[in-house]
Amino acid sequence: MKTPAYWAAATRELAARDEILRALVRRCDAYIVGSRGDAFSTLARSIVGQQISVKAAQSVWARLRADLGTIAPHTLIARDTVQLRGCGLSGQKAAYLIDLGQRFASGALDPARWRELDDEGVIDELVQVKGIGRWTAEMFLIFYLARPDVFPVADVGLQRAVSLHYNRGKPISKTKMTKIGASWAPWRSVATWYMWRSLDAAPVKQS
């Protein structure tokens, strides 16, 4: 895990444009981006963690790893949904993981290609997977691929932070958020991270 090469330039530009971000840049530690696994395990882990606590997700992931040995496309698709449910997964999540494994194994999803695609191109591929929506794809772009200009307007934390800093704490529309975010381009991922940090002093990282 490391700080993206663009981070220093992005923070300088954002601080020069926006006094709220200027204060946050001064206050917050350097950004660290990355994942403990490869693209497949990162996406699989995001599916496992949906709608359950961090502690519960860690427990299910540990059971999966113990059962499969290595969490990889070929090990997942060798199991059926009943076997995966024995690791603590719901039937729906088990099906999602098998679908993900099949797409990686067949080459329908190829991480090597993603470096050549723009953000929307990667999102379009990822949302074809059962259980992966736009928000999950956007988090993958920000944290795993370290894309600099992603603006996840549906993210609740981002909505709360933008409302607090730019709308006097009142509910804010996605249209207004998008307009505010436009002034942060081409560093909207960076601005988003500082918005998150304004709500939580702990570093924001993708597991």
N, C-alpha and C. Protein backbone atom coordinates (compact mmCIF):
# COMPACT_ATOMS: atom_id res chain seq x y z
N MET A 1 0.85 -1.18 0.00
CA MET A 1 0.00 0.00 0.00
C MET A 1 0.89 1.24 0.00
N LYS A 2 0.51 2.24 -0.77
CA LYS A 2 1.34 3.42 -0.89
C LYS A 2 0.49 4.63 -1.24
N THR A 3 1.11 5.81 -1.13
CA THR A 3 0.45 7.04 -1.53
C THR A 3 0.56 7.19 -3.05
N PRO A 4 -0.54 7.46 -3.75
CA PRO A 4 -0.46 7.62 -5.21
C PRO A 4 0.49 8.74 -5.61
N ALA A 5 1.13 8.58 -6.76
CA ALA A 5 2.10 9.56 -7.23
C ALA A 5 1.47 10.94 -7.44
N TYR A 6 0.17 10.96 -7.77
CA TYR A 6 -0.49 12.23 -8.05
C TYR A 6 -0.93 12.99 -6.81
N TRP A 7 -0.80 12.36 -5.64
CA TRP A 7 -1.43 12.91 -4.43
C TRP A 7 -0.93 14.30 -4.07
N ALA A 8 0.38 14.51 -4.10
CA ALA A 8 0.93 15.81 -3.69
C ALA A 8 0.44 16.92 -4.61
N ALA A 9 0.46 16.70 -5.93
CA ALA A 9 -0.02 17.71 -6.87
C ALA A 9 -1.50 17.97 -6.67
N ALA A 10 -2.26 16.90 -6.45
CA ALA A 10 -3.71 17.04 -6.27
C ALA A 10 -4.04 17.86 -5.03
N THR A 11 -3.37 17.58 -3.93
CA THR A 11 -3.66 18.31 -2.70
C THR A 11 -3.28 19.79 -2.82
N ARG A 12 -2.19 20.07 -3.52
CA ARG A 12 -1.80 21.48 -3.72
C ARG A 12 -2.87 22.22 -4.52
N GLU A 13 -3.33 21.60 -5.59
CA GLU A 13 -4.33 22.25 -6.45
C GLU A 13 -5.65 22.44 -5.72
N LEU A 14 -6.09 21.41 -5.00
CA LEU A 14 -7.36 21.51 -4.28
C LEU A 14 -7.28 22.54 -3.16
N ALA A 15 -6.17 22.57 -2.45
CA ALA A 15 -6.00 23.54 -1.36
C ALA A 15 -6.00 24.97 -1.89
N ALA A 16 -5.46 25.15 -3.09
CA ALA A 16 -5.43 26.49 -3.68
C ALA A 16 -6.83 26.95 -4.11
N ARG A 17 -7.69 26.02 -4.45
CA ARG A 17 -9.03 26.35 -4.94
C ARG A 17 -10.08 26.48 -3.85
N ASP A 18 -9.92 25.69 -2.78
CA ASP A 18 -11.02 25.47 -1.83
C ASP A 18 -10.52 25.60 -0.39
N GLU A 19 -11.02 26.59 0.34
CA GLU A 19 -10.51 26.84 1.69
C GLU A 19 -10.86 25.72 2.66
N ILE A 20 -11.98 25.04 2.46
CA ILE A 20 -12.33 23.93 3.34
C ILE A 20 -11.35 22.78 3.15
N LEU A 21 -11.06 22.46 1.90
CA LEU A 21 -10.09 21.40 1.63
C LEU A 21 -8.69 21.82 2.07
N ARG A 22 -8.39 23.12 1.98
CA ARG A 22 -7.08 23.60 2.43
C ARG A 22 -6.88 23.27 3.91
N ALA A 23 -7.90 23.50 4.71
CA ALA A 23 -7.80 23.21 6.14
C ALA A 23 -7.67 21.71 6.39
N LEU A 24 -8.40 20.89 5.62
CA LEU A 24 -8.34 19.45 5.80
C LEU A 24 -6.99 18.89 5.38
N VAL A 25 -6.43 19.42 4.30
CA VAL A 25 -5.11 18.97 3.85
C VAL A 25 -4.07 19.23 4.93
N ARG A 26 -4.16 20.37 5.58
CA ARG A 26 -3.20 20.70 6.64
C ARG A 26 -3.37 19.79 7.85
N ARG A 27 -4.61 19.37 8.09
CA ARG A 27 -4.92 18.63 9.32
C ARG A 27 -4.70 17.13 9.20
N CYS A 28 -4.91 16.57 8.03
CA CYS A 28 -4.94 15.12 7.88
C CYS A 28 -3.60 14.55 7.45
N ASP A 29 -3.37 13.30 7.84
CA ASP A 29 -2.17 12.59 7.43
C ASP A 29 -2.22 12.25 5.95
N ALA A 30 -1.08 11.80 5.43
CA ALA A 30 -1.01 11.41 4.02
C ALA A 30 -1.93 10.22 3.75
N TYR A 31 -2.42 10.19 2.56
CA TYR A 31 -3.33 9.13 2.11
C TYR A 31 -2.56 7.86 1.75
N ILE A 32 -3.08 6.74 2.18
CA ILE A 32 -2.51 5.44 1.81
C ILE A 32 -3.59 4.66 1.08
N VAL A 33 -3.28 4.15 -0.10
CA VAL A 33 -4.26 3.42 -0.88
C VAL A 33 -3.73 2.02 -1.16
N GLY A 34 -4.62 1.09 -1.30
CA GLY A 34 -4.18 -0.25 -1.65
C GLY A 34 -5.06 -1.31 -1.03
N SER A 35 -4.69 -2.54 -1.27
CA SER A 35 -5.46 -3.68 -0.79
C SER A 35 -4.52 -4.75 -0.33
N ARG A 36 -4.99 -5.59 0.58
CA ARG A 36 -4.17 -6.70 1.03
C ARG A 36 -4.18 -7.86 0.05
N GLY A 37 -5.01 -7.80 -0.97
CA GLY A 37 -5.11 -8.93 -1.89
C GLY A 37 -5.07 -8.49 -3.33
N ASP A 38 -5.35 -9.43 -4.22
CA ASP A 38 -5.41 -9.11 -5.64
C ASP A 38 -6.81 -8.60 -5.98
N ALA A 39 -7.02 -8.32 -7.27
CA ALA A 39 -8.31 -7.76 -7.69
C ALA A 39 -9.46 -8.69 -7.35
N PHE A 40 -9.28 -9.98 -7.60
CA PHE A 40 -10.36 -10.93 -7.34
C PHE A 40 -10.71 -10.98 -5.87
N SER A 41 -9.71 -11.14 -5.01
CA SER A 41 -10.01 -11.26 -3.58
C SER A 41 -10.58 -9.96 -3.02
N THR A 42 -10.14 -8.83 -3.57
CA THR A 42 -10.67 -7.54 -3.13
C THR A 42 -12.17 -7.44 -3.43
N LEU A 43 -12.56 -7.84 -4.64
CA LEU A 43 -13.97 -7.80 -5.01
C LEU A 43 -14.77 -8.84 -4.24
N ALA A 44 -14.19 -10.03 -4.06
CA ALA A 44 -14.87 -11.07 -3.30
C ALA A 44 -15.12 -10.62 -1.87
N ARG A 45 -14.12 -9.96 -1.30
CA ARG A 45 -14.27 -9.50 0.07
C ARG A 45 -15.33 -8.41 0.18
N SER A 46 -15.46 -7.59 -0.84
CA SER A 46 -16.49 -6.56 -0.82
C SER A 46 -17.88 -7.17 -0.83
N ILE A 47 -18.04 -8.28 -1.55
CA ILE A 47 -19.33 -8.99 -1.58
C ILE A 47 -19.62 -9.61 -0.21
N VAL A 48 -18.63 -10.25 0.36
CA VAL A 48 -18.79 -10.89 1.68
C VAL A 48 -19.22 -9.86 2.72
N GLY A 49 -18.66 -8.66 2.64
CA GLY A 49 -18.91 -7.66 3.67
C GLY A 49 -20.20 -6.87 3.55
N GLN A 50 -20.96 -7.09 2.49
CA GLN A 50 -22.16 -6.31 2.28
C GLN A 50 -23.21 -6.56 3.36
N GLN A 51 -23.70 -5.47 3.95
CA GLN A 51 -24.84 -5.47 4.88
C GLN A 51 -24.60 -6.28 6.15
N ILE A 52 -23.32 -6.49 6.51
CA ILE A 52 -23.02 -7.10 7.81
C ILE A 52 -21.90 -6.30 8.46
N SER A 53 -21.70 -6.51 9.75
CA SER A 53 -20.68 -5.76 10.47
C SER A 53 -19.28 -6.16 10.02
N VAL A 54 -18.32 -5.31 10.30
CA VAL A 54 -16.92 -5.60 9.96
C VAL A 54 -16.47 -6.89 10.66
N LYS A 55 -16.85 -7.05 11.92
CA LYS A 55 -16.45 -8.23 12.67
C LYS A 55 -17.04 -9.50 12.05
N ALA A 56 -18.31 -9.45 11.68
CA ALA A 56 -18.95 -10.61 11.06
C ALA A 56 -18.31 -10.93 9.72
N ALA A 57 -18.00 -9.89 8.94
CA ALA A 57 -17.38 -10.10 7.64
C ALA A 57 -16.00 -10.74 7.78
N GLN A 58 -15.24 -10.30 8.77
CA GLN A 58 -13.92 -10.88 9.00
C GLN A 58 -14.03 -12.36 9.38
N SER A 59 -15.05 -12.69 10.17
CA SER A 59 -15.25 -14.07 10.58
C SER A 59 -15.60 -14.95 9.39
N VAL A 60 -16.50 -14.49 8.53
CA VAL A 60 -16.89 -15.26 7.35
C VAL A 60 -15.70 -15.42 6.41
N TRP A 61 -14.94 -14.35 6.22
CA TRP A 61 -13.78 -14.40 5.34
C TRP A 61 -12.75 -15.41 5.85
N ALA A 62 -12.54 -15.43 7.16
CA ALA A 62 -11.58 -16.37 7.74
C ALA A 62 -12.05 -17.81 7.54
N ARG A 63 -13.35 -18.05 7.67
CA ARG A 63 -13.88 -19.40 7.45
C ARG A 63 -13.77 -19.81 5.99
N LEU A 64 -13.99 -18.86 5.10
CA LEU A 64 -13.84 -19.13 3.67
C LEU A 64 -12.40 -19.51 3.35
N ARG A 65 -11.47 -18.74 3.89
CA ARG A 65 -10.06 -18.98 3.62
C ARG A 65 -9.63 -20.32 4.17
N ALA A 66 -10.15 -20.66 5.34
CA ALA A 66 -9.80 -21.96 5.95
C ALA A 66 -10.36 -23.11 5.11
N ASP A 67 -11.54 -22.93 4.55
CA ASP A 67 -12.17 -23.99 3.76
C ASP A 67 -11.55 -24.13 2.38
N LEU A 68 -11.26 -22.97 1.74
CA LEU A 68 -10.77 -23.01 0.37
C LEU A 68 -9.26 -23.14 0.26
N GLY A 69 -8.58 -22.77 1.34
CA GLY A 69 -7.12 -22.74 1.28
C GLY A 69 -6.66 -21.43 0.67
N THR A 70 -6.94 -21.23 -0.58
CA THR A 70 -6.67 -19.98 -1.28
C THR A 70 -7.98 -19.48 -1.87
N ILE A 71 -8.29 -18.23 -1.62
CA ILE A 71 -9.51 -17.66 -2.19
C ILE A 71 -9.17 -17.16 -3.59
N ALA A 72 -9.60 -17.91 -4.57
CA ALA A 72 -9.28 -17.63 -5.96
C ALA A 72 -10.44 -18.13 -6.82
N PRO A 73 -10.52 -17.69 -8.08
CA PRO A 73 -11.64 -18.13 -8.93
C PRO A 73 -11.80 -19.64 -8.98
N HIS A 74 -10.70 -20.37 -9.17
CA HIS A 74 -10.82 -21.82 -9.34
C HIS A 74 -11.25 -22.52 -8.06
N THR A 75 -10.88 -21.98 -6.89
CA THR A 75 -11.30 -22.63 -5.64
C THR A 75 -12.76 -22.35 -5.34
N LEU A 76 -13.23 -21.15 -5.70
CA LEU A 76 -14.62 -20.82 -5.43
C LEU A 76 -15.57 -21.58 -6.34
N ILE A 77 -15.25 -21.65 -7.62
CA ILE A 77 -16.19 -22.30 -8.54
C ILE A 77 -16.16 -23.82 -8.39
N ALA A 78 -15.20 -24.32 -7.61
CA ALA A 78 -15.19 -25.75 -7.31
C ALA A 78 -16.20 -26.11 -6.22
N ARG A 79 -16.76 -25.08 -5.56
CA ARG A 79 -17.76 -25.29 -4.51
C ARG A 79 -19.14 -24.94 -5.06
N ASP A 80 -20.17 -25.50 -4.42
CA ASP A 80 -21.53 -25.09 -4.76
C ASP A 80 -22.05 -24.18 -3.65
N THR A 81 -23.24 -23.65 -3.85
CA THR A 81 -23.77 -22.68 -2.88
C THR A 81 -23.98 -23.29 -1.50
N VAL A 82 -24.36 -24.55 -1.46
CA VAL A 82 -24.57 -25.21 -0.15
C VAL A 82 -23.26 -25.28 0.62
N GLN A 83 -22.18 -25.65 -0.05
CA GLN A 83 -20.88 -25.73 0.62
C GLN A 83 -20.41 -24.35 1.09
N LEU A 84 -20.63 -23.33 0.27
CA LEU A 84 -20.21 -21.98 0.65
C LEU A 84 -21.06 -21.44 1.80
N ARG A 85 -22.32 -21.83 1.84
CA ARG A 85 -23.16 -21.40 2.96
C ARG A 85 -22.64 -21.96 4.28
N GLY A 86 -21.96 -23.09 4.22
CA GLY A 86 -21.37 -23.66 5.43
C GLY A 86 -20.29 -22.78 6.04
N CYS A 87 -19.79 -21.82 5.25
CA CYS A 87 -18.79 -20.88 5.76
C CYS A 87 -19.43 -19.63 6.37
N GLY A 88 -20.75 -19.59 6.39
CA GLY A 88 -21.44 -18.46 6.98
C GLY A 88 -22.03 -17.48 5.99
N LEU A 89 -21.93 -17.80 4.70
CA LEU A 89 -22.50 -16.94 3.68
C LEU A 89 -23.99 -17.20 3.51
N SER A 90 -24.71 -16.17 3.11
CA SER A 90 -26.09 -16.38 2.71
C SER A 90 -26.08 -17.08 1.35
N GLY A 91 -27.21 -17.68 0.99
CA GLY A 91 -27.30 -18.32 -0.31
C GLY A 91 -27.06 -17.34 -1.44
N GLN A 92 -27.56 -16.11 -1.27
CA GLN A 92 -27.41 -15.08 -2.29
C GLN A 92 -25.95 -14.69 -2.47
N LYS A 93 -25.25 -14.47 -1.37
CA LYS A 93 -23.84 -14.09 -1.47
C LYS A 93 -23.00 -15.24 -2.03
N ALA A 94 -23.34 -16.46 -1.68
CA ALA A 94 -22.63 -17.61 -2.24
C ALA A 94 -22.77 -17.62 -3.76
N ALA A 95 -23.97 -17.36 -4.24
CA ALA A 95 -24.20 -17.31 -5.69
C ALA A 95 -23.43 -16.16 -6.33
N TYR A 96 -23.38 -15.03 -5.63
CA TYR A 96 -22.63 -13.88 -6.15
C TYR A 96 -21.14 -14.23 -6.30
N LEU A 97 -20.58 -14.90 -5.29
CA LEU A 97 -19.16 -15.25 -5.34
C LEU A 97 -18.87 -16.25 -6.46
N ILE A 98 -19.76 -17.19 -6.65
CA ILE A 98 -19.58 -18.16 -7.74
C ILE A 98 -19.63 -17.44 -9.09
N ASP A 99 -20.57 -16.50 -9.23
CA ASP A 99 -20.66 -15.72 -10.46
C ASP A 99 -19.37 -14.94 -10.69
N LEU A 100 -18.85 -14.31 -9.65
CA LEU A 100 -17.60 -13.57 -9.76
C LEU A 100 -16.46 -14.49 -10.19
N GLY A 101 -16.38 -15.67 -9.54
CA GLY A 101 -15.34 -16.63 -9.88
C GLY A 101 -15.42 -17.09 -11.32
N GLN A 102 -16.61 -17.34 -11.78
CA GLN A 102 -16.80 -17.81 -13.16
C GLN A 102 -16.38 -16.73 -14.17
N ARG A 103 -16.68 -15.48 -13.87
CA ARG A 103 -16.31 -14.40 -14.79
C ARG A 103 -14.80 -14.19 -14.84
N PHE A 104 -14.13 -14.34 -13.72
CA PHE A 104 -12.67 -14.25 -13.73
C PHE A 104 -12.06 -15.45 -14.44
N ALA A 105 -12.57 -16.64 -14.13
CA ALA A 105 -12.01 -17.86 -14.72
C ALA A 105 -12.17 -17.90 -16.23
N SER A 106 -13.29 -17.35 -16.73
CA SER A 106 -13.54 -17.38 -18.17
C SER A 106 -12.83 -16.26 -18.92
N GLY A 107 -12.33 -15.28 -18.17
CA GLY A 107 -11.71 -14.13 -18.81
C GLY A 107 -12.67 -13.02 -19.13
N ALA A 108 -13.94 -13.21 -18.78
CA ALA A 108 -14.92 -12.13 -19.00
C ALA A 108 -14.52 -10.89 -18.21
N LEU A 109 -13.94 -11.11 -17.04
CA LEU A 109 -13.33 -10.02 -16.27
C LEU A 109 -11.83 -10.23 -16.28
N ASP A 110 -11.11 -9.26 -16.79
CA ASP A 110 -9.66 -9.36 -16.92
C ASP A 110 -9.01 -8.10 -16.35
N PRO A 111 -8.47 -8.18 -15.14
CA PRO A 111 -7.87 -6.99 -14.51
C PRO A 111 -6.80 -6.32 -15.35
N ALA A 112 -6.11 -7.07 -16.18
CA ALA A 112 -5.06 -6.48 -17.01
C ALA A 112 -5.64 -5.44 -17.98
N ARG A 113 -6.90 -5.63 -18.36
CA ARG A 113 -7.55 -4.70 -19.29
C ARG A 113 -7.97 -3.40 -18.62
N TRP A 114 -8.20 -3.44 -17.31
CA TRP A 114 -8.78 -2.29 -16.64
C TRP A 114 -7.87 -1.07 -16.67
N ARG A 115 -6.56 -1.30 -16.73
CA ARG A 115 -5.64 -0.16 -16.80
C ARG A 115 -5.85 0.63 -18.08
N GLU A 116 -6.40 -0.03 -19.09
CA GLU A 116 -6.61 0.63 -20.38
C GLU A 116 -7.99 1.28 -20.49
N LEU A 117 -8.89 0.96 -19.57
CA LEU A 117 -10.26 1.49 -19.62
C LEU A 117 -10.39 2.74 -18.78
N ASP A 118 -11.29 3.64 -19.19
CA ASP A 118 -11.59 4.78 -18.33
C ASP A 118 -12.48 4.31 -17.18
N ASP A 119 -12.78 5.21 -16.26
CA ASP A 119 -13.53 4.84 -15.06
C ASP A 119 -14.88 4.21 -15.39
N GLU A 120 -15.61 4.82 -16.30
CA GLU A 120 -16.93 4.29 -16.64
C GLU A 120 -16.84 2.93 -17.31
N GLY A 121 -15.77 2.72 -18.07
CA GLY A 121 -15.57 1.41 -18.70
C GLY A 121 -15.38 0.32 -17.67
N VAL A 122 -14.60 0.61 -16.62
CA VAL A 122 -14.39 -0.38 -15.55
C VAL A 122 -15.70 -0.61 -14.80
N ILE A 123 -16.41 0.47 -14.49
CA ILE A 123 -17.68 0.34 -13.78
C ILE A 123 -18.65 -0.51 -14.59
N ASP A 124 -18.74 -0.25 -15.88
CA ASP A 124 -19.65 -1.01 -16.74
C ASP A 124 -19.36 -2.51 -16.69
N GLU A 125 -18.08 -2.88 -16.64
CA GLU A 125 -17.72 -4.30 -16.55
C GLU A 125 -18.08 -4.88 -15.19
N LEU A 126 -17.75 -4.13 -14.13
CA LEU A 126 -17.94 -4.67 -12.79
C LEU A 126 -19.41 -4.83 -12.42
N VAL A 127 -20.26 -3.91 -12.85
CA VAL A 127 -21.67 -4.01 -12.44
C VAL A 127 -22.41 -5.13 -13.16
N GLN A 128 -21.75 -5.79 -14.11
CA GLN A 128 -22.34 -6.97 -14.71
C GLN A 128 -22.31 -8.16 -13.75
N VAL A 129 -21.44 -8.08 -12.75
CA VAL A 129 -21.32 -9.16 -11.76
C VAL A 129 -22.47 -9.06 -10.78
N LYS A 130 -23.11 -10.18 -10.51
CA LYS A 130 -24.19 -10.19 -9.52
C LYS A 130 -23.61 -9.78 -8.16
N GLY A 131 -24.28 -8.83 -7.52
CA GLY A 131 -23.84 -8.41 -6.20
C GLY A 131 -22.89 -7.23 -6.20
N ILE A 132 -22.48 -6.77 -7.37
CA ILE A 132 -21.61 -5.59 -7.44
C ILE A 132 -22.38 -4.46 -8.11
N GLY A 133 -22.63 -3.40 -7.36
CA GLY A 133 -23.31 -2.24 -7.89
C GLY A 133 -22.33 -1.11 -8.14
N ARG A 134 -22.85 0.02 -8.51
CA ARG A 134 -21.99 1.15 -8.86
C ARG A 134 -21.13 1.59 -7.68
N TRP A 135 -21.71 1.65 -6.47
CA TRP A 135 -20.94 2.12 -5.32
C TRP A 135 -19.72 1.22 -5.08
N THR A 136 -19.93 -0.10 -5.12
CA THR A 136 -18.82 -1.03 -4.91
C THR A 136 -17.76 -0.84 -5.99
N ALA A 137 -18.20 -0.65 -7.22
CA ALA A 137 -17.25 -0.43 -8.32
C ALA A 137 -16.47 0.87 -8.12
N GLU A 138 -17.15 1.90 -7.64
CA GLU A 138 -16.47 3.18 -7.39
C GLU A 138 -15.44 3.05 -6.27
N MET A 139 -15.77 2.31 -5.21
CA MET A 139 -14.80 2.10 -4.14
C MET A 139 -13.58 1.33 -4.66
N PHE A 140 -13.82 0.38 -5.54
CA PHE A 140 -12.73 -0.37 -6.14
C PHE A 140 -11.83 0.55 -6.97
N LEU A 141 -12.44 1.46 -7.71
CA LEU A 141 -11.67 2.42 -8.50
C LEU A 141 -10.81 3.32 -7.61
N ILE A 142 -11.38 3.78 -6.51
CA ILE A 142 -10.66 4.70 -5.64
C ILE A 142 -9.54 3.98 -4.89
N PHE A 143 -9.87 2.86 -4.27
CA PHE A 143 -8.94 2.24 -3.35
C PHE A 143 -8.01 1.21 -3.98
N TYR A 144 -8.50 0.44 -4.93
CA TYR A 144 -7.65 -0.59 -5.53
C TYR A 144 -6.91 -0.07 -6.76
N LEU A 145 -7.63 0.57 -7.67
CA LEU A 145 -7.00 1.07 -8.88
C LEU A 145 -6.41 2.46 -8.72
N ALA A 146 -6.71 3.11 -7.59
CA ALA A 146 -6.17 4.44 -7.28
C ALA A 146 -6.49 5.46 -8.37
N ARG A 147 -7.70 5.41 -8.90
CA ARG A 147 -8.10 6.39 -9.91
C ARG A 147 -8.32 7.75 -9.23
N PRO A 148 -7.86 8.83 -9.82
CA PRO A 148 -7.86 10.12 -9.13
C PRO A 148 -9.15 10.93 -9.18
N ASP A 149 -10.09 10.59 -10.08
CA ASP A 149 -11.21 11.49 -10.32
C ASP A 149 -12.57 10.80 -10.22
N VAL A 150 -12.74 10.00 -9.18
CA VAL A 150 -14.02 9.30 -8.95
C VAL A 150 -14.81 10.09 -7.91
N PHE A 151 -16.10 10.27 -8.16
CA PHE A 151 -16.95 11.04 -7.24
C PHE A 151 -18.22 10.25 -6.95
N PRO A 152 -18.22 9.46 -5.86
CA PRO A 152 -19.35 8.57 -5.55
C PRO A 152 -20.51 9.29 -4.86
N VAL A 153 -21.34 9.95 -5.64
CA VAL A 153 -22.38 10.81 -5.07
C VAL A 153 -23.40 10.04 -4.24
N ALA A 154 -23.51 8.72 -4.42
CA ALA A 154 -24.47 7.94 -3.64
C ALA A 154 -23.90 7.52 -2.29
N ASP A 155 -22.64 7.81 -2.03
CA ASP A 155 -22.03 7.41 -0.76
C ASP A 155 -22.57 8.26 0.38
N VAL A 156 -23.08 7.60 1.41
CA VAL A 156 -23.73 8.31 2.51
C VAL A 156 -22.76 9.21 3.26
N GLY A 157 -21.55 8.71 3.48
CA GLY A 157 -20.55 9.51 4.18
C GLY A 157 -20.18 10.76 3.42
N LEU A 158 -20.02 10.63 2.12
CA LEU A 158 -19.70 11.80 1.30
C LEU A 158 -20.86 12.80 1.31
N GLN A 159 -22.07 12.28 1.21
CA GLN A 159 -23.24 13.16 1.26
C GLN A 159 -23.26 13.94 2.57
N ARG A 160 -22.99 13.24 3.68
CA ARG A 160 -23.02 13.90 4.99
C ARG A 160 -21.95 14.97 5.10
N ALA A 161 -20.76 14.66 4.61
CA ALA A 161 -19.66 15.62 4.70
C ALA A 161 -19.89 16.85 3.82
N VAL A 162 -20.35 16.64 2.61
CA VAL A 162 -20.60 17.77 1.71
C VAL A 162 -21.73 18.63 2.27
N SER A 163 -22.75 17.98 2.82
CA SER A 163 -23.84 18.72 3.45
C SER A 163 -23.33 19.58 4.61
N LEU A 164 -22.46 18.99 5.42
CA LEU A 164 -21.93 19.69 6.59
C LEU A 164 -21.09 20.90 6.18
N HIS A 165 -20.21 20.71 5.21
CA HIS A 165 -19.25 21.75 4.86
C HIS A 165 -19.75 22.76 3.84
N TYR A 166 -20.71 22.36 3.00
CA TYR A 166 -21.10 23.22 1.89
C TYR A 166 -22.59 23.55 1.85
N ASN A 167 -23.36 22.99 2.79
CA ASN A 167 -24.81 23.23 2.76
C ASN A 167 -25.37 23.45 4.16
N ARG A 168 -24.51 23.94 5.07
CA ARG A 168 -24.92 24.25 6.44
C ARG A 168 -25.57 23.08 7.16
N GLY A 169 -25.15 21.88 6.82
CA GLY A 169 -25.67 20.69 7.48
C GLY A 169 -27.03 20.24 7.02
N LYS A 170 -27.59 20.94 6.04
CA LYS A 170 -28.92 20.57 5.53
C LYS A 170 -28.78 19.49 4.45
N PRO A 171 -29.82 18.67 4.26
CA PRO A 171 -29.77 17.66 3.20
C PRO A 171 -29.42 18.30 1.86
N ILE A 172 -28.61 17.60 1.09
CA ILE A 172 -28.13 18.15 -0.17
C ILE A 172 -28.48 17.21 -1.33
N SER A 173 -28.88 17.77 -2.42
CA SER A 173 -29.26 16.96 -3.58
C SER A 173 -28.01 16.46 -4.30
N LYS A 174 -28.17 15.37 -5.03
CA LYS A 174 -27.05 14.86 -5.80
C LYS A 174 -26.66 15.83 -6.91
N THR A 175 -27.63 16.59 -7.40
CA THR A 175 -27.34 17.59 -8.43
C THR A 175 -26.40 18.67 -7.89
N LYS A 176 -26.69 19.14 -6.68
CA LYS A 176 -25.83 20.16 -6.07
C LYS A 176 -24.47 19.57 -5.73
N MET A 177 -24.47 18.34 -5.24
CA MET A 177 -23.18 17.68 -4.95
C MET A 177 -22.33 17.57 -6.21
N THR A 178 -22.97 17.19 -7.30
CA THR A 178 -22.24 17.04 -8.56
C THR A 178 -21.64 18.36 -9.00
N LYS A 179 -22.38 19.45 -8.80
CA LYS A 179 -21.89 20.78 -9.16
C LYS A 179 -20.68 21.15 -8.31
N ILE A 180 -20.77 20.87 -7.01
CA ILE A 180 -19.63 21.15 -6.12
C ILE A 180 -18.43 20.30 -6.53
N GLY A 181 -18.69 19.02 -6.79
CA GLY A 181 -17.63 18.12 -7.17
C GLY A 181 -16.94 18.50 -8.47
N ALA A 182 -17.69 19.14 -9.37
CA ALA A 182 -17.10 19.53 -10.66
C ALA A 182 -15.93 20.48 -10.46
N SER A 183 -15.98 21.27 -9.40
CA SER A 183 -14.89 22.23 -9.15
C SER A 183 -13.64 21.52 -8.63
N TRP A 184 -13.77 20.25 -8.25
CA TRP A 184 -12.62 19.49 -7.73
C TRP A 184 -11.94 18.66 -8.81
N ALA A 185 -12.56 18.52 -9.98
CA ALA A 185 -11.96 17.73 -11.06
C ALA A 185 -10.61 18.35 -11.45
N PRO A 186 -9.62 17.55 -11.83
CA PRO A 186 -9.66 16.09 -12.03
C PRO A 186 -9.19 15.30 -10.81
N TRP A 187 -9.46 15.85 -9.61
CA TRP A 187 -8.99 15.20 -8.37
C TRP A 187 -10.15 14.90 -7.42
N ARG A 188 -11.27 14.45 -7.95
CA ARG A 188 -12.45 14.25 -7.09
C ARG A 188 -12.28 13.09 -6.12
N SER A 189 -11.49 12.08 -6.46
CA SER A 189 -11.22 11.01 -5.49
C SER A 189 -10.50 11.58 -4.27
N VAL A 190 -9.56 12.48 -4.52
CA VAL A 190 -8.77 13.09 -3.45
C VAL A 190 -9.68 13.93 -2.56
N ALA A 191 -10.50 14.76 -3.17
CA ALA A 191 -11.43 15.58 -2.39
C ALA A 191 -12.40 14.72 -1.60
N THR A 192 -12.86 13.64 -2.21
CA THR A 192 -13.77 12.71 -1.53
C THR A 192 -13.11 12.13 -0.29
N TRP A 193 -11.86 11.74 -0.43
CA TRP A 193 -11.15 11.17 0.73
C TRP A 193 -11.06 12.17 1.87
N TYR A 194 -10.79 13.43 1.54
CA TYR A 194 -10.73 14.45 2.60
C TYR A 194 -12.10 14.72 3.20
N MET A 195 -13.14 14.61 2.41
CA MET A 195 -14.49 14.74 2.96
C MET A 195 -14.74 13.62 3.97
N TRP A 196 -14.36 12.38 3.61
CA TRP A 196 -14.51 11.27 4.55
C TRP A 196 -13.71 11.52 5.82
N ARG A 197 -12.48 11.97 5.67
CA ARG A 197 -11.61 12.20 6.82
C ARG A 197 -12.14 13.29 7.73
N SER A 198 -12.89 14.22 7.17
CA SER A 198 -13.45 15.28 8.00
C SER A 198 -14.47 14.73 8.99
N LEU A 199 -15.01 13.54 8.70
CA LEU A 199 -15.98 12.91 9.59
C LEU A 199 -15.35 11.88 10.52
N ASP A 200 -14.16 11.43 10.17
CA ASP A 200 -13.53 10.34 10.91
C ASP A 200 -12.03 10.55 10.90
N ALA A 201 -11.45 10.70 12.07
CA ALA A 201 -10.02 11.00 12.16
C ALA A 201 -9.15 9.82 11.75
N ALA A 202 -9.70 8.59 11.79
CA ALA A 202 -8.92 7.41 11.43
C ALA A 202 -8.70 7.36 9.93
N PRO A 203 -7.55 6.86 9.47
CA PRO A 203 -7.29 6.76 8.03
C PRO A 203 -8.34 5.90 7.34
N VAL A 204 -8.73 6.31 6.14
CA VAL A 204 -9.69 5.55 5.34
C VAL A 204 -8.91 4.62 4.43
N LYS A 205 -9.13 3.31 4.58
CA LYS A 205 -8.42 2.35 3.76
C LYS A 205 -9.39 1.26 3.31
N GLN A 206 -9.10 0.67 2.18
CA GLN A 206 -9.88 -0.46 1.69
C GLN A 206 -9.22 -1.74 2.17
N SER A 207 -10.02 -2.62 2.79
CA SER A 207 -9.44 -3.87 3.28
C SER A 207 -9.31 -4.87 2.16
